[in-house]
Amino acid sequence: MRAVITVVGKDTVGILAKVSTLCAEKNVNIIDVTQTVMQDLFCMIMLCEIDKLSGSFASFADAAKAIGAEQGLSVHVMHEEIFNSMHRI
């Protein structure tokens, strides 16, 4: 199973480190990362394997959202199937 993590907000030092640390703590394998900074806006998408996720998916998503709230970022975690369904025409 895979999940998509999106992060958007004001660019600051350590955003990637904070999100990847959470992934490591929850045994989530980051497969691919794309990120860009547009002026001072940070945008990142991570594709992750969640087959060996420690704990529930909901608790992982809540923890990611909490990191976002602490940093003033929008952080969303969703199953890949939901992400694909949302972006299918």
C-alpha atoms as a PDB file:
ATOM      1  CA  MET A   1       0.000   0.000   0.000  1.00  0.00           C
ATOM      2  CA  ARG A   2       1.113   3.515  -0.707  1.00  0.00           C
ATOM      3  CA  ALA A   3       0.235   6.982   0.520  1.00  0.00           C
ATOM      4  CA  VAL A   4       0.717  10.497  -0.788  1.00  0.00           C
ATOM      5  CA  ILE A   5       1.854  13.268   1.560  1.00  0.00           C
ATOM      6  CA  THR A   6       1.453  16.862   0.419  1.00  0.00           C
ATOM      7  CA  VAL A   7       3.027  19.836   2.171  1.00  0.00           C
ATOM      8  CA  VAL A   8       2.382  23.490   1.300  1.00  0.00           C
ATOM      9  CA  GLY A   9       3.338  26.629   3.198  1.00  0.00           C
ATOM     10  CA  LYS A  10       5.891  29.322   3.829  1.00  0.00           C
ATOM     11  CA  ASP A  11       9.407  28.059   3.193  1.00  0.00           C
ATOM     12  CA  THR A  12      11.470  27.503   6.347  1.00  0.00           C
ATOM     13  CA  VAL A  13      14.485  25.419   7.259  1.00  0.00           C
ATOM     14  CA  GLY A  14      13.815  21.781   8.165  1.00  0.00           C
ATOM     15  CA  ILE A  15      10.414  21.054   6.602  1.00  0.00           C
ATOM     16  CA  LEU A  16      11.630  17.983   4.724  1.00  0.00           C
ATOM     17  CA  ALA A  17      13.565  16.836   7.810  1.00  0.00           C
ATOM     18  CA  LYS A  18      10.513  17.050  10.079  1.00  0.00           C
ATOM     19  CA  VAL A  19       8.232  15.133   7.729  1.00  0.00           C
ATOM     20  CA  SER A  20      10.841  12.492   6.879  1.00  0.00           C
ATOM     21  CA  THR A  21      11.638  12.024  10.586  1.00  0.00           C
ATOM     22  CA  LEU A  22       7.968  11.308  11.271  1.00  0.00           C
ATOM     23  CA  CYS A  23       7.984   8.789   8.413  1.00  0.00           C
ATOM     24  CA  ALA A  24      11.041   7.048   9.854  1.00  0.00           C
ATOM     25  CA  GLU A  25       9.504   6.948  13.342  1.00  0.00           C
ATOM     26  CA  LYS A  26       6.327   5.352  11.933  1.00  0.00           C
ATOM     27  CA  ASN A  27       8.220   2.899   9.691  1.00  0.00           C
ATOM     28  CA  VAL A  28       6.980   4.585   6.506  1.00  0.00           C
ATOM     29  CA  ASN A  29       9.290   4.175   3.497  1.00  0.00           C
ATOM     30  CA  ILE A  30       9.641   7.282   1.325  1.00  0.00           C
ATOM     31  CA  ILE A  31       9.765   6.151  -2.309  1.00  0.00           C
ATOM     32  CA  ASP A  32       9.850   9.480  -4.114  1.00  0.00           C
ATOM     33  CA  VAL A  33       9.924  13.173  -3.241  1.00  0.00           C
ATOM     34  CA  THR A  34       9.381  16.214  -5.366  1.00  0.00           C
ATOM     35  CA  GLN A  35       9.617  19.700  -3.965  1.00  0.00           C
ATOM     36  CA  THR A  36       9.897  23.251  -5.160  1.00  0.00           C
ATOM     37  CA  VAL A  37      10.004  26.725  -3.714  1.00  0.00           C
ATOM     38  CA  MET A  38       8.002  29.363  -5.574  1.00  0.00           C
ATOM     39  CA  GLN A  39       9.157  32.720  -4.239  1.00  0.00           C
ATOM     40  CA  ASP A  40       8.673  31.964  -0.495  1.00  0.00           C
ATOM     41  CA  LEU A  41       6.070  29.172  -0.903  1.00  0.00           C
ATOM     42  CA  PHE A  42       7.284  25.613  -0.224  1.00  0.00           C
ATOM     43  CA  CYS A  43       5.468  22.784  -2.059  1.00  0.00           C
ATOM     44  CA  MET A  44       6.277  19.095  -1.632  1.00  0.00           C
ATOM     45  CA  ILE A  45       4.735  15.767  -2.617  1.00  0.00           C
ATOM     46  CA  MET A  46       6.000  12.488  -1.171  1.00  0.00           C
ATOM     47  CA  LEU A  47       5.040   9.010  -2.323  1.00  0.00           C
ATOM     48  CA  CYS A  48       5.432   6.513   0.524  1.00  0.00           C
ATOM     49  CA  GLU A  49       5.007   2.803   1.185  1.00  0.00           C
ATOM     50  CA  ILE A  50       2.855   2.212   4.243  1.00  0.00           C
ATOM     51  CA  ASP A  51       2.814  -1.605   4.267  1.00  0.00           C
ATOM     52  CA  LYS A  52       4.865  -1.695   7.480  1.00  0.00           C
ATOM     53  CA  LEU A  53       3.307   1.387   9.104  1.00  0.00           C
ATOM     54  CA  SER A  54       3.539   1.176  12.890  1.00  0.00           C
ATOM     55  CA  GLY A  55       0.207   2.266  14.317  1.00  0.00           C
ATOM     56  CA  SER A  56      -2.929   3.226  12.460  1.00  0.00           C
ATOM     57  CA  PHE A  57      -3.096   5.209   9.252  1.00  0.00           C
ATOM     58  CA  ALA A  58      -5.332   7.761  10.988  1.00  0.00           C
ATOM     59  CA  SER A  59      -2.782   8.348  13.765  1.00  0.00           C
ATOM     60  CA  PHE A  60      -0.018   8.810  11.178  1.00  0.00           C
ATOM     61  CA  ALA A  61      -2.140  11.309   9.232  1.00  0.00           C
ATOM     62  CA  ASP A  62      -2.985  13.167  12.465  1.00  0.00           C
ATOM     63  CA  ALA A  63       0.692  13.329  13.467  1.00  0.00           C
ATOM     64  CA  ALA A  64       1.609  14.749  10.047  1.00  0.00           C
ATOM     65  CA  LYS A  65      -1.174  17.302  10.318  1.00  0.00           C
ATOM     66  CA  ALA A  66       0.097  18.279  13.788  1.00  0.00           C
ATOM     67  CA  ILE A  67       3.593  18.871  12.390  1.00  0.00           C
ATOM     68  CA  GLY A  68       1.995  21.111   9.809  1.00  0.00           C
ATOM     69  CA  ALA A  69       0.068  23.040  12.440  1.00  0.00           C
ATOM     70  CA  GLU A  70       3.249  23.577  14.491  1.00  0.00           C
ATOM     71  CA  GLN A  71       5.089  24.903  11.428  1.00  0.00           C
ATOM     72  CA  GLY A  72       2.234  26.872   9.843  1.00  0.00           C
ATOM     73  CA  LEU A  73       1.994  24.405   6.953  1.00  0.00           C
ATOM     74  CA  SER A  74      -0.778  22.481   5.286  1.00  0.00           C
ATOM     75  CA  VAL A  75       0.153  18.784   5.533  1.00  0.00           C
ATOM     76  CA  HIS A  76      -2.182  16.094   4.196  1.00  0.00           C
ATOM     77  CA  VAL A  77      -1.728  12.330   4.066  1.00  0.00           C
ATOM     78  CA  MET A  78      -4.019  10.194   1.941  1.00  0.00           C
ATOM     79  CA  HIS A  79      -4.082   6.700   0.504  1.00  0.00           C
ATOM     80  CA  GLU A  80      -2.812   6.606  -3.058  1.00  0.00           C
ATOM     81  CA  GLU A  81      -6.149   5.271  -4.334  1.00  0.00           C
ATOM     82  CA  ILE A  82      -8.009   8.262  -2.895  1.00  0.00           C
ATOM     83  CA  PHE A  83      -5.421  10.665  -4.317  1.00  0.00           C
ATOM     84  CA  ASN A  84      -5.742   9.071  -7.757  1.00  0.00           C
ATOM     85  CA  SER A  85      -9.551   9.119  -7.608  1.00  0.00           C
ATOM     86  CA  MET A  86      -9.551  12.803  -6.721  1.00  0.00           C
ATOM     87  CA  HIS A  87      -7.354  13.645  -9.698  1.00  0.00           C
ATOM     88  CA  ARG A  88      -9.003  11.420 -12.290  1.00  0.00           C
ATOM     89  CA  ILE A  89     -11.031  13.184 -14.964  1.00  0.00           C
END
